[in-house]
Protein backbone atom coordinates (compact mmCIF):
# COMPACT_ATOMS: atom_id res chain seq x y z
CA MET A 1 -25.39 -19.12 66.63
CA SER A 2 -23.43 -21.63 64.28
CA ILE A 3 -20.58 -20.63 61.79
CA LYS A 4 -19.14 -23.09 59.12
CA LEU A 5 -15.34 -22.85 58.92
CA PRO A 6 -12.69 -24.95 57.31
CA LYS A 7 -10.81 -27.24 59.86
CA GLN A 8 -7.46 -25.56 59.18
CA LEU A 9 -8.78 -22.16 60.09
CA VAL A 10 -10.48 -23.37 63.20
CA GLU A 11 -7.31 -24.61 64.82
CA SER A 12 -5.69 -21.22 63.99
CA LEU A 13 -8.76 -19.19 65.38
CA GLN A 14 -8.78 -21.28 68.65
CA HIS A 15 -5.18 -20.44 69.56
CA SER A 16 -5.61 -16.72 68.62
CA PHE A 17 -8.68 -16.53 70.68
CA LEU A 18 -7.19 -17.95 73.59
CA SER A 19 -4.22 -15.50 73.43
CA GLU A 20 -6.37 -12.64 72.88
CA ALA A 21 -8.62 -13.61 75.62
CA ARG A 22 -5.78 -13.80 78.02
CA ARG A 23 -4.57 -10.23 76.84
CA VAL A 24 -7.82 -8.68 77.24
CA CYS A 25 -8.30 -10.18 80.73
CA ARG A 26 -4.89 -8.76 81.86
CA ASP A 27 -5.71 -5.44 80.55
CA ALA A 28 -9.27 -5.31 82.10
CA ALA A 29 -7.94 -6.50 85.33
CA LYS A 30 -5.56 -3.53 85.39
CA ILE A 31 -8.14 -1.05 84.49
CA LEU A 32 -10.71 -2.35 87.12
CA HIS A 33 -8.09 -2.96 89.74
CA GLN A 34 -9.11 -6.63 89.98
CA ASP A 35 -7.34 -9.80 90.03
CA GLN A 36 -6.66 -11.18 86.40
CA ASN A 37 -8.12 -14.58 87.39
CA ASP A 38 -11.43 -13.14 88.68
CA VAL A 39 -11.77 -11.34 85.23
CA LEU A 40 -10.86 -14.59 83.40
CA ALA A 41 -13.63 -16.57 85.40
CA ILE A 42 -16.29 -14.06 84.30
CA LEU A 43 -15.15 -14.44 80.69
CA LYS A 44 -15.34 -18.32 80.93
CA LYS A 45 -19.17 -17.98 82.22
CA MET A 46 -19.98 -16.35 78.85
CA PRO A 47 -21.63 -18.68 76.28
CA PRO A 48 -19.20 -19.89 73.90
CA ILE A 49 -19.50 -19.54 70.00
CA GLN A 50 -20.33 -22.88 68.36
CA PHE A 51 -18.22 -23.89 65.29
CA GLN A 52 -19.36 -26.19 62.88
CA ILE A 53 -16.07 -27.73 61.46
CA ILE A 54 -16.35 -28.92 57.68
CA ASP A 55 -14.04 -31.12 55.89
CA ASP A 56 -12.18 -28.97 53.39
CA SER A 57 -9.72 -31.67 51.95
CA GLU A 58 -11.76 -31.89 48.80
CA THR A 59 -11.89 -28.18 48.39
CA PRO A 60 -9.16 -26.97 45.82
CA THR A 61 -6.51 -24.56 47.15
CA THR A 62 -5.80 -23.21 43.72
CA CYS A 63 -8.17 -21.56 41.47
CA PRO A 64 -9.33 -24.24 38.68
CA VAL A 65 -11.06 -21.61 36.41
CA LEU A 66 -9.75 -21.84 32.81
CA LEU A 67 -8.19 -18.81 31.21
CA GLN A 68 -7.22 -18.25 27.57
CA LYS A 69 -3.62 -16.91 27.55
CA GLY A 70 -2.29 -16.80 23.79
CA ALA A 71 -2.79 -20.09 22.07
CA ILE A 72 -2.90 -22.05 25.43
CA VAL A 73 -5.93 -22.46 27.87
CA GLU A 74 -4.71 -22.93 31.31
CA ARG A 75 -5.93 -22.86 34.86
CA CYS A 76 -5.94 -19.49 36.86
CA ARG A 77 -3.98 -21.14 39.77
CA TYR A 78 -4.47 -17.92 42.11
CA PRO A 79 -4.95 -18.98 45.82
CA CYS A 80 -8.75 -19.89 46.58
CA ILE A 81 -10.60 -18.12 49.27
CA LEU A 82 -11.15 -20.71 52.01
CA GLY A 83 -14.22 -22.83 51.55
CA THR A 84 -15.16 -21.37 48.08
CA GLY A 85 -12.82 -23.36 45.87
CA VAL A 86 -12.14 -20.30 43.58
CA CYS A 87 -9.98 -17.16 43.90
CA ILE A 88 -11.25 -13.61 44.58
CA ASN A 89 -11.27 -12.74 40.94
CA HIS A 90 -13.57 -15.77 40.02
CA GLN A 91 -16.23 -15.62 42.89
CA GLN A 92 -18.90 -14.98 40.27
CA GLU A 93 -18.11 -18.22 38.41
CA SER A 94 -20.88 -20.82 38.84
CA GLU A 95 -18.61 -23.71 38.61
CA PRO A 96 -15.29 -24.36 36.81
CA PRO A 97 -15.73 -25.54 33.25
CA SER A 98 -14.18 -28.85 32.26
CA ILE A 99 -11.41 -29.38 29.50
CA ASP A 100 -13.16 -31.06 26.56
CA SER A 101 -11.81 -34.61 25.73
CA CYS A 102 -11.18 -33.55 22.16
CA GLU A 103 -8.54 -30.80 23.18
CA THR A 104 -4.86 -31.71 23.47
CA LYS A 105 -3.74 -31.68 26.99
CA LEU A 106 -0.44 -30.19 27.85
CA THR A 107 1.53 -30.39 30.98
CA ARG A 108 3.32 -27.18 32.06
CA ILE A 109 7.14 -27.60 32.29
CA LYS A 110 9.52 -26.19 34.86
CA HIS A 111 12.63 -25.15 33.21
CA SER A 112 15.63 -22.92 33.83
CA GLU A 113 15.63 -21.02 30.51
CA PRO A 114 15.03 -17.40 31.24
CA ASP A 115 14.53 -15.99 27.86
CA VAL A 116 12.05 -18.72 26.66
CA GLY A 117 9.07 -18.08 28.79
CA PRO A 118 6.43 -20.64 30.04
CA LEU A 119 6.44 -23.94 28.21
CA TRP A 120 4.16 -26.91 27.88
CA CYS A 121 4.63 -30.53 26.97
CA ASN A 122 2.32 -32.96 24.95
CA GLU A 123 3.14 -36.08 27.07
CA ASP A 124 2.03 -38.48 24.16
CA THR A 125 4.37 -36.94 21.56
CA ARG A 126 6.89 -35.24 23.94
CA HIS A 127 6.75 -31.99 21.63
CA VAL A 128 7.06 -28.87 23.72
CA TYR A 129 5.03 -25.75 22.98
CA SER A 130 5.31 -21.96 23.71
CA ARG A 131 2.37 -19.83 24.90
CA GLU A 132 1.58 -19.03 21.31
CA GLY A 133 1.04 -22.75 20.54
CA THR A 134 4.05 -23.11 18.36
CA CYS A 135 6.32 -26.20 18.66
CA VAL A 136 9.65 -24.91 19.97
CA GLY A 137 11.27 -28.28 20.92
CA PHE A 138 10.95 -31.68 22.40
CA LEU A 139 11.44 -33.61 25.70
CA THR A 140 13.92 -36.53 25.39
CA GLU A 141 13.42 -39.85 27.07
CA GLU A 142 15.69 -38.89 29.91
CA ASN A 143 13.43 -35.78 30.41
CA VAL A 144 16.04 -33.43 29.07
CA LEU A 145 14.49 -30.23 27.33
CA GLU A 146 15.77 -29.81 23.81
CA LEU A 147 14.79 -26.58 22.30
CA PHE A 148 14.94 -25.69 18.58
CA THR A 149 17.42 -23.02 17.44
CA TYR A 150 16.29 -21.01 14.40
CA GLU A 151 18.99 -19.25 12.20
């Protein structure tokens, strides 16, 4: 029997299996009134499960599916199910769509303005946009966020 698993998961499983095998042998030895090492020897004679380790370094860890949120289209970014490349909500997606080259690409800004909400910056023009797609400020050369104030 051969099971394909990501490398990160295999290391975790091996450690967990070894710990659990020792616990089961200790409990079985008490129930059977046998020496724990004798029970462990029987367990070691059983055929091992064969794991086929796959390289998952190219598989994304955050969901790349595009979602329309207001005027902005952004990636889902939920954690992917190991080995699938998409989150639980997008398992039915055939493959993640690519962003058209004619679309304006914006970069999400991390900021500390709690009342403003999420913001995106056009790196070419340094204009800053809200989720609704309106220009709400700009990013200075020193990467200082300058927001417009409306009176």
